[in-house]
N, C-alpha and C. Protein backbone atom coordinates (compact mmCIF):
# COMPACT_ATOMS: atom_id res chain seq x y z
N MET A 1 0.36 22.30 25.78
CA MET A 1 -0.52 21.37 25.09
C MET A 1 -0.87 20.26 26.06
N GLY A 2 -2.15 20.05 26.27
CA GLY A 2 -2.60 18.99 27.15
C GLY A 2 -2.68 17.66 26.43
N LEU A 3 -2.64 16.60 27.20
CA LEU A 3 -2.69 15.28 26.60
C LEU A 3 -4.10 14.71 26.55
N PHE A 4 -5.04 15.36 27.19
CA PHE A 4 -6.39 14.84 27.23
C PHE A 4 -7.35 15.81 26.56
N TYR A 5 -8.55 15.37 26.37
CA TYR A 5 -9.58 16.17 25.71
C TYR A 5 -9.79 17.49 26.45
N SER A 6 -9.82 18.55 25.68
CA SER A 6 -10.19 19.84 26.25
C SER A 6 -11.22 20.46 25.32
N PRO A 7 -12.29 21.01 25.87
CA PRO A 7 -13.33 21.57 25.01
C PRO A 7 -12.79 22.75 24.19
N MET A 8 -13.39 22.93 23.03
CA MET A 8 -12.97 24.03 22.16
C MET A 8 -13.52 25.34 22.70
N ASP A 9 -12.75 26.41 22.53
CA ASP A 9 -13.28 27.72 22.89
C ASP A 9 -14.04 28.28 21.68
N LEU A 10 -14.62 29.46 21.81
CA LEU A 10 -15.47 30.02 20.76
C LEU A 10 -14.69 30.22 19.46
N GLN A 11 -13.48 30.74 19.55
CA GLN A 11 -12.68 31.00 18.35
C GLN A 11 -12.40 29.69 17.59
N GLN A 12 -12.03 28.63 18.30
CA GLN A 12 -11.76 27.35 17.66
C GLN A 12 -13.02 26.76 17.05
N SER A 13 -14.15 26.88 17.73
CA SER A 13 -15.38 26.31 17.21
C SER A 13 -15.85 27.05 15.97
N GLU A 14 -15.53 28.34 15.84
CA GLU A 14 -15.89 29.08 14.64
C GLU A 14 -15.00 28.67 13.46
N LEU A 15 -13.78 28.27 13.73
CA LEU A 15 -12.88 27.81 12.67
C LEU A 15 -13.32 26.47 12.10
N ALA A 16 -13.88 25.63 12.95
CA ALA A 16 -14.31 24.30 12.52
C ALA A 16 -15.73 24.04 13.02
N PRO A 17 -16.73 24.65 12.39
CA PRO A 17 -18.11 24.46 12.86
C PRO A 17 -18.56 23.02 12.71
N GLY A 18 -19.34 22.57 13.67
CA GLY A 18 -19.87 21.21 13.61
C GLY A 18 -18.98 20.18 14.27
N THR A 19 -17.84 20.59 14.81
CA THR A 19 -16.95 19.64 15.47
C THR A 19 -17.04 19.82 16.98
N ILE A 20 -16.66 18.81 17.70
CA ILE A 20 -16.71 18.90 19.16
C ILE A 20 -15.33 19.06 19.77
N GLY A 21 -14.31 19.05 18.93
CA GLY A 21 -12.95 19.25 19.43
C GLY A 21 -12.12 18.00 19.34
N PRO A 22 -10.82 18.17 19.16
CA PRO A 22 -9.92 17.02 19.06
C PRO A 22 -9.64 16.41 20.42
N LEU A 23 -9.12 15.19 20.42
CA LEU A 23 -8.73 14.55 21.66
C LEU A 23 -7.47 15.19 22.24
N LEU A 24 -6.65 15.75 21.38
CA LEU A 24 -5.47 16.49 21.82
C LEU A 24 -5.70 17.96 21.53
N ASP A 25 -5.01 18.83 22.26
CA ASP A 25 -5.17 20.26 22.02
C ASP A 25 -4.75 20.65 20.62
N GLU A 26 -3.68 20.06 20.12
CA GLU A 26 -3.20 20.38 18.78
C GLU A 26 -2.99 19.10 17.98
N LEU A 27 -3.45 19.12 16.75
CA LEU A 27 -3.25 17.98 15.87
C LEU A 27 -1.84 18.05 15.29
N PRO A 28 -1.18 16.91 15.12
CA PRO A 28 0.16 16.94 14.52
C PRO A 28 0.07 17.26 13.03
N LEU A 29 1.14 17.84 12.49
CA LEU A 29 1.18 18.11 11.06
C LEU A 29 1.10 16.81 10.29
N LEU A 30 0.43 16.86 9.17
CA LEU A 30 0.23 15.69 8.33
C LEU A 30 1.55 15.25 7.70
N THR A 31 1.77 13.95 7.64
CA THR A 31 2.95 13.41 6.97
C THR A 31 2.51 12.38 5.93
N HIS A 32 3.45 11.93 5.13
CA HIS A 32 3.15 10.91 4.13
C HIS A 32 2.64 9.63 4.80
N ALA A 33 3.19 9.32 5.95
CA ALA A 33 2.79 8.10 6.67
C ALA A 33 1.33 8.17 7.13
N HIS A 34 0.80 9.37 7.37
CA HIS A 34 -0.60 9.52 7.75
C HIS A 34 -1.52 9.27 6.55
N VAL A 35 -1.06 9.61 5.36
CA VAL A 35 -1.91 9.53 4.16
C VAL A 35 -1.99 8.12 3.60
N ARG A 36 -0.91 7.37 3.67
CA ARG A 36 -0.86 6.03 3.05
C ARG A 36 -2.00 5.11 3.48
N PRO A 37 -2.35 5.03 4.78
CA PRO A 37 -3.47 4.13 5.17
C PRO A 37 -4.81 4.54 4.55
N TYR A 38 -5.01 5.82 4.33
CA TYR A 38 -6.24 6.27 3.69
C TYR A 38 -6.29 5.81 2.24
N VAL A 39 -5.16 5.89 1.55
CA VAL A 39 -5.10 5.42 0.16
C VAL A 39 -5.41 3.94 0.10
N VAL A 40 -4.79 3.16 1.00
CA VAL A 40 -5.02 1.71 1.02
C VAL A 40 -6.48 1.40 1.33
N ALA A 41 -7.05 2.07 2.32
CA ALA A 41 -8.44 1.80 2.71
C ALA A 41 -9.41 2.10 1.58
N ILE A 42 -9.25 3.23 0.93
CA ILE A 42 -10.17 3.58 -0.16
C ILE A 42 -9.96 2.66 -1.35
N ALA A 43 -8.71 2.34 -1.66
CA ALA A 43 -8.43 1.44 -2.79
C ALA A 43 -8.98 0.04 -2.54
N LEU A 44 -8.90 -0.44 -1.31
CA LEU A 44 -9.47 -1.76 -0.99
C LEU A 44 -10.99 -1.73 -1.03
N HIS A 45 -11.58 -0.61 -0.66
CA HIS A 45 -13.04 -0.51 -0.65
C HIS A 45 -13.61 -0.41 -2.07
N ARG A 46 -13.01 0.46 -2.89
CA ARG A 46 -13.56 0.73 -4.21
C ARG A 46 -12.74 0.19 -5.36
N GLY A 47 -11.47 -0.14 -5.11
CA GLY A 47 -10.59 -0.56 -6.19
C GLY A 47 -9.92 0.61 -6.87
N ALA A 48 -10.29 1.82 -6.49
CA ALA A 48 -9.73 3.03 -7.08
C ALA A 48 -9.79 4.17 -6.06
N VAL A 49 -8.98 5.20 -6.30
CA VAL A 49 -8.93 6.36 -5.41
C VAL A 49 -9.03 7.61 -6.26
N ARG A 50 -9.90 8.51 -5.86
CA ARG A 50 -9.96 9.84 -6.50
C ARG A 50 -9.33 10.84 -5.52
N ARG A 51 -8.63 11.80 -6.06
CA ARG A 51 -7.96 12.80 -5.22
C ARG A 51 -8.95 13.54 -4.31
N PRO A 52 -10.10 14.02 -4.81
CA PRO A 52 -11.02 14.74 -3.93
C PRO A 52 -11.55 13.90 -2.77
N GLU A 53 -11.82 12.60 -2.99
CA GLU A 53 -12.33 11.78 -1.89
C GLU A 53 -11.24 11.52 -0.86
N LEU A 54 -10.00 11.44 -1.29
CA LEU A 54 -8.89 11.28 -0.37
C LEU A 54 -8.72 12.54 0.47
N LEU A 55 -8.82 13.71 -0.17
CA LEU A 55 -8.74 14.98 0.56
C LEU A 55 -9.91 15.11 1.54
N ALA A 56 -11.10 14.71 1.12
CA ALA A 56 -12.27 14.80 1.99
C ALA A 56 -12.13 13.91 3.23
N ALA A 57 -11.48 12.76 3.06
CA ALA A 57 -11.27 11.86 4.20
C ALA A 57 -10.22 12.41 5.16
N LEU A 58 -9.24 13.12 4.64
CA LEU A 58 -8.13 13.60 5.46
C LEU A 58 -8.39 14.92 6.17
N VAL A 59 -9.12 15.82 5.54
CA VAL A 59 -9.27 17.18 6.05
C VAL A 59 -9.76 17.25 7.50
N PRO A 60 -10.72 16.43 7.93
CA PRO A 60 -11.15 16.54 9.33
C PRO A 60 -10.05 16.21 10.34
N HIS A 61 -8.98 15.58 9.90
CA HIS A 61 -7.92 15.15 10.80
C HIS A 61 -6.66 16.00 10.67
N CYS A 62 -6.76 17.11 9.97
CA CYS A 62 -5.59 17.96 9.71
C CYS A 62 -5.62 19.21 10.59
N PRO A 63 -4.45 19.67 11.01
CA PRO A 63 -4.40 20.97 11.70
C PRO A 63 -4.64 22.10 10.70
N ILE A 64 -4.98 23.24 11.20
CA ILE A 64 -5.28 24.40 10.36
C ILE A 64 -4.10 24.74 9.45
N ALA A 65 -2.88 24.60 9.95
CA ALA A 65 -1.69 24.95 9.16
C ALA A 65 -1.59 24.14 7.87
N ASP A 66 -2.08 22.91 7.88
CA ASP A 66 -2.03 22.07 6.69
C ASP A 66 -3.08 22.47 5.65
N LEU A 67 -4.06 23.25 6.07
CA LEU A 67 -5.18 23.60 5.19
C LEU A 67 -5.06 24.99 4.58
N LYS A 68 -4.01 25.72 4.91
CA LYS A 68 -3.86 27.09 4.43
C LYS A 68 -3.16 27.11 3.07
N GLU A 69 -3.68 27.96 2.18
CA GLU A 69 -3.05 28.14 0.88
C GLU A 69 -2.04 29.27 0.96
N GLY A 70 -1.11 29.29 0.02
CA GLY A 70 -0.16 30.39 -0.05
C GLY A 70 1.01 30.27 0.89
N ALA A 71 1.30 29.07 1.36
CA ALA A 71 2.44 28.88 2.26
C ALA A 71 3.74 28.99 1.47
N TRP A 72 4.78 29.43 2.15
CA TRP A 72 6.09 29.55 1.52
C TRP A 72 6.72 28.18 1.39
N SER A 73 7.26 27.90 0.23
CA SER A 73 7.95 26.64 0.00
C SER A 73 9.42 26.93 -0.28
N ALA A 74 10.29 26.45 0.61
CA ALA A 74 11.72 26.64 0.39
C ALA A 74 12.18 25.87 -0.83
N LEU A 75 11.56 24.73 -1.10
CA LEU A 75 11.92 23.91 -2.25
C LEU A 75 11.59 24.63 -3.56
N ALA A 76 10.37 25.19 -3.63
CA ALA A 76 9.95 25.89 -4.84
C ALA A 76 10.49 27.32 -4.88
N GLY A 77 10.85 27.86 -3.72
CA GLY A 77 11.33 29.24 -3.67
C GLY A 77 10.24 30.26 -3.93
N ASP A 78 9.01 29.89 -3.64
CA ASP A 78 7.88 30.76 -3.92
C ASP A 78 6.71 30.37 -3.03
N TYR A 79 5.65 31.18 -3.08
CA TYR A 79 4.43 30.84 -2.37
C TYR A 79 3.63 29.87 -3.23
N LEU A 80 3.06 28.87 -2.60
CA LEU A 80 2.35 27.82 -3.33
C LEU A 80 0.88 28.13 -3.51
N ASP A 81 0.31 27.62 -4.60
CA ASP A 81 -1.11 27.82 -4.87
C ASP A 81 -1.98 26.74 -4.26
N SER A 82 -1.37 25.72 -3.68
CA SER A 82 -2.15 24.64 -3.09
C SER A 82 -1.79 24.48 -1.61
N THR A 83 -2.61 23.74 -0.92
CA THR A 83 -2.38 23.54 0.51
C THR A 83 -1.34 22.44 0.73
N ARG A 84 -0.85 22.36 1.93
CA ARG A 84 0.12 21.32 2.28
C ARG A 84 -0.51 19.93 2.14
N VAL A 85 -1.78 19.81 2.50
CA VAL A 85 -2.48 18.53 2.39
C VAL A 85 -2.52 18.08 0.92
N GLU A 86 -2.84 19.00 0.03
CA GLU A 86 -2.89 18.66 -1.40
C GLU A 86 -1.53 18.21 -1.92
N LEU A 87 -0.48 18.89 -1.48
CA LEU A 87 0.88 18.52 -1.92
C LEU A 87 1.24 17.12 -1.44
N ILE A 88 0.94 16.82 -0.17
CA ILE A 88 1.28 15.51 0.38
C ILE A 88 0.46 14.41 -0.29
N VAL A 89 -0.82 14.66 -0.53
CA VAL A 89 -1.67 13.68 -1.21
C VAL A 89 -1.12 13.38 -2.61
N ASP A 90 -0.74 14.43 -3.34
CA ASP A 90 -0.17 14.24 -4.68
C ASP A 90 1.12 13.43 -4.62
N GLU A 91 1.96 13.72 -3.63
CA GLU A 91 3.22 12.99 -3.50
C GLU A 91 2.99 11.51 -3.16
N VAL A 92 2.03 11.24 -2.28
CA VAL A 92 1.75 9.85 -1.90
C VAL A 92 1.15 9.09 -3.07
N LEU A 93 0.22 9.70 -3.80
CA LEU A 93 -0.34 9.03 -4.98
C LEU A 93 0.76 8.77 -6.01
N GLY A 94 1.67 9.72 -6.18
CA GLY A 94 2.80 9.53 -7.08
C GLY A 94 3.71 8.40 -6.61
N GLU A 95 3.88 8.30 -5.30
CA GLU A 95 4.69 7.23 -4.71
C GLU A 95 4.07 5.86 -5.00
N PHE A 96 2.75 5.76 -4.87
CA PHE A 96 2.04 4.50 -5.16
C PHE A 96 2.17 4.14 -6.64
N VAL A 97 2.11 5.15 -7.52
CA VAL A 97 2.27 4.89 -8.96
C VAL A 97 3.70 4.46 -9.26
N ALA A 98 4.68 5.14 -8.66
CA ALA A 98 6.09 4.81 -8.89
C ALA A 98 6.40 3.38 -8.44
N ASN A 99 5.75 2.94 -7.37
CA ASN A 99 5.94 1.57 -6.86
C ASN A 99 5.05 0.56 -7.58
N LYS A 100 4.30 1.04 -8.58
CA LYS A 100 3.42 0.20 -9.41
C LYS A 100 2.31 -0.46 -8.61
N LEU A 101 1.86 0.20 -7.54
CA LEU A 101 0.75 -0.30 -6.76
C LEU A 101 -0.57 0.26 -7.26
N LEU A 102 -0.51 1.47 -7.82
CA LEU A 102 -1.66 2.11 -8.45
C LEU A 102 -1.26 2.52 -9.86
N ARG A 103 -2.25 2.64 -10.73
CA ARG A 103 -2.01 3.21 -12.06
C ARG A 103 -3.04 4.31 -12.26
N TYR A 104 -2.63 5.35 -12.97
CA TYR A 104 -3.53 6.49 -13.18
C TYR A 104 -4.38 6.28 -14.42
N ASN A 105 -5.69 6.42 -14.28
CA ASN A 105 -6.64 6.34 -15.38
C ASN A 105 -7.01 7.76 -15.77
N GLU A 106 -6.42 8.24 -16.87
CA GLU A 106 -6.65 9.63 -17.30
C GLU A 106 -8.09 9.88 -17.70
N GLU A 107 -8.72 8.89 -18.30
CA GLU A 107 -10.09 9.05 -18.77
C GLU A 107 -11.06 9.33 -17.61
N LYS A 108 -10.87 8.64 -16.50
CA LYS A 108 -11.77 8.79 -15.35
C LYS A 108 -11.17 9.63 -14.23
N ASP A 109 -9.92 10.08 -14.39
CA ASP A 109 -9.23 10.90 -13.40
C ASP A 109 -9.23 10.23 -12.02
N MET A 110 -8.71 9.00 -12.00
CA MET A 110 -8.61 8.27 -10.74
C MET A 110 -7.40 7.34 -10.78
N TRP A 111 -6.96 6.97 -9.60
CA TRP A 111 -5.86 6.03 -9.45
C TRP A 111 -6.47 4.67 -9.13
N VAL A 112 -6.15 3.68 -9.95
CA VAL A 112 -6.76 2.35 -9.85
C VAL A 112 -5.73 1.38 -9.29
N ALA A 113 -6.18 0.48 -8.41
CA ALA A 113 -5.28 -0.56 -7.87
C ALA A 113 -4.74 -1.38 -9.03
N ASN A 114 -3.43 -1.48 -9.10
CA ASN A 114 -2.77 -2.16 -10.21
C ASN A 114 -2.81 -3.67 -10.01
N GLU A 115 -3.55 -4.34 -10.89
CA GLU A 115 -3.69 -5.79 -10.74
C GLU A 115 -2.52 -6.56 -11.32
N ASN A 116 -1.62 -5.89 -12.00
CA ASN A 116 -0.49 -6.59 -12.61
C ASN A 116 0.69 -6.68 -11.63
N GLN A 117 1.47 -5.60 -11.50
CA GLN A 117 2.64 -5.65 -10.63
C GLN A 117 2.29 -5.51 -9.15
N GLY A 118 1.19 -4.85 -8.81
CA GLY A 118 0.87 -4.57 -7.41
C GLY A 118 0.03 -5.61 -6.71
N LEU A 119 -0.26 -6.73 -7.37
CA LEU A 119 -1.18 -7.72 -6.82
C LEU A 119 -0.70 -8.27 -5.47
N GLY A 120 0.58 -8.55 -5.35
CA GLY A 120 1.12 -9.09 -4.09
C GLY A 120 0.92 -8.14 -2.92
N PHE A 121 1.13 -6.85 -3.16
CA PHE A 121 0.94 -5.85 -2.10
C PHE A 121 -0.51 -5.84 -1.63
N TRP A 122 -1.45 -5.83 -2.57
CA TRP A 122 -2.86 -5.75 -2.20
C TRP A 122 -3.32 -7.02 -1.49
N ILE A 123 -2.84 -8.18 -1.92
CA ILE A 123 -3.19 -9.43 -1.24
C ILE A 123 -2.67 -9.41 0.20
N THR A 124 -1.45 -8.90 0.37
CA THR A 124 -0.87 -8.79 1.72
C THR A 124 -1.72 -7.89 2.60
N LYS A 125 -2.13 -6.73 2.06
CA LYS A 125 -2.96 -5.79 2.85
C LYS A 125 -4.31 -6.40 3.20
N VAL A 126 -4.90 -7.13 2.26
CA VAL A 126 -6.19 -7.79 2.53
C VAL A 126 -6.02 -8.80 3.65
N ALA A 127 -4.94 -9.57 3.61
CA ALA A 127 -4.68 -10.57 4.64
C ALA A 127 -4.40 -9.93 5.99
N GLU A 128 -3.61 -8.85 6.00
CA GLU A 128 -3.28 -8.16 7.25
C GLU A 128 -4.52 -7.59 7.93
N LEU A 129 -5.42 -7.05 7.13
CA LEU A 129 -6.58 -6.34 7.67
C LEU A 129 -7.84 -7.21 7.74
N ASN A 130 -7.73 -8.46 7.27
CA ASN A 130 -8.90 -9.33 7.16
C ASN A 130 -9.99 -8.60 6.38
N ALA A 131 -9.59 -8.06 5.23
CA ALA A 131 -10.45 -7.21 4.42
C ALA A 131 -10.90 -7.94 3.16
N GLN A 132 -11.67 -7.26 2.36
CA GLN A 132 -12.15 -7.77 1.07
C GLN A 132 -11.36 -7.07 -0.03
N ALA A 133 -10.86 -7.82 -0.97
CA ALA A 133 -10.14 -7.25 -2.11
C ALA A 133 -11.13 -6.74 -3.14
N PRO A 134 -10.76 -5.69 -3.88
CA PRO A 134 -11.62 -5.23 -4.98
C PRO A 134 -11.81 -6.35 -6.01
N LEU A 135 -12.95 -6.40 -6.65
CA LEU A 135 -13.28 -7.49 -7.55
C LEU A 135 -12.30 -7.63 -8.72
N HIS A 136 -11.82 -6.52 -9.26
CA HIS A 136 -10.90 -6.64 -10.39
C HIS A 136 -9.57 -7.26 -9.97
N LEU A 137 -9.19 -7.10 -8.69
CA LEU A 137 -7.98 -7.76 -8.20
C LEU A 137 -8.22 -9.25 -7.99
N LEU A 138 -9.42 -9.60 -7.52
CA LEU A 138 -9.76 -11.02 -7.36
C LEU A 138 -9.75 -11.74 -8.71
N LYS A 139 -10.28 -11.08 -9.73
CA LYS A 139 -10.29 -11.69 -11.06
C LYS A 139 -8.87 -11.85 -11.59
N ALA A 140 -8.01 -10.85 -11.31
CA ALA A 140 -6.61 -10.95 -11.76
C ALA A 140 -5.89 -12.08 -11.05
N ALA A 141 -6.31 -12.38 -9.81
CA ALA A 141 -5.68 -13.46 -9.04
C ALA A 141 -6.27 -14.82 -9.41
N GLY A 142 -7.28 -14.84 -10.30
CA GLY A 142 -7.85 -16.11 -10.74
C GLY A 142 -9.08 -16.53 -9.96
N VAL A 143 -9.60 -15.68 -9.09
CA VAL A 143 -10.81 -15.98 -8.33
C VAL A 143 -11.98 -15.38 -9.10
N HIS A 144 -12.83 -16.23 -9.67
CA HIS A 144 -13.91 -15.74 -10.52
C HIS A 144 -15.25 -15.66 -9.79
N SER A 145 -15.37 -16.32 -8.68
CA SER A 145 -16.57 -16.16 -7.86
C SER A 145 -16.14 -16.09 -6.41
N PHE A 146 -16.76 -15.18 -5.70
CA PHE A 146 -16.35 -14.98 -4.31
C PHE A 146 -17.61 -14.81 -3.46
N ILE A 147 -17.69 -15.61 -2.44
CA ILE A 147 -18.78 -15.48 -1.47
C ILE A 147 -18.13 -15.21 -0.12
N SER A 148 -18.47 -14.09 0.47
CA SER A 148 -17.88 -13.72 1.74
C SER A 148 -18.37 -14.65 2.85
N PRO A 149 -17.47 -15.11 3.73
CA PRO A 149 -17.89 -15.98 4.81
C PRO A 149 -18.59 -15.22 5.93
N PHE A 150 -18.67 -13.90 5.83
CA PHE A 150 -19.27 -13.10 6.91
C PHE A 150 -20.62 -12.61 6.56
């Protein structure tokens, strides 16, 4: 495995049409730590996260092994019907819900930034990233009008 950019060969380019190749020869397997920043970024942008948009953001950065269905799971003791990426995304979203940072809205099938218990976390992330908080979080924090200085 090389450390620098190497052009894709024909077989690789057919697997991922429209791409010019990764900076490394092989992409690392996806972990929970890779997914968390995507959840935070989408939640800060929209105030909510949908599973399909999270998957769409992650898929271009995943190795082929993470995108294959029917992988053997030692934990389940069977072949799985979903990809490794889908499993990790579900686990991370569940982790955010368990930590009360997101809440699941069944009616709209989305995970919404929790303005009650999770407000401190989101304010910290906004401050760390010099970002804009979703409007419903600003209202929960008592800010009723906001004009961006930029």
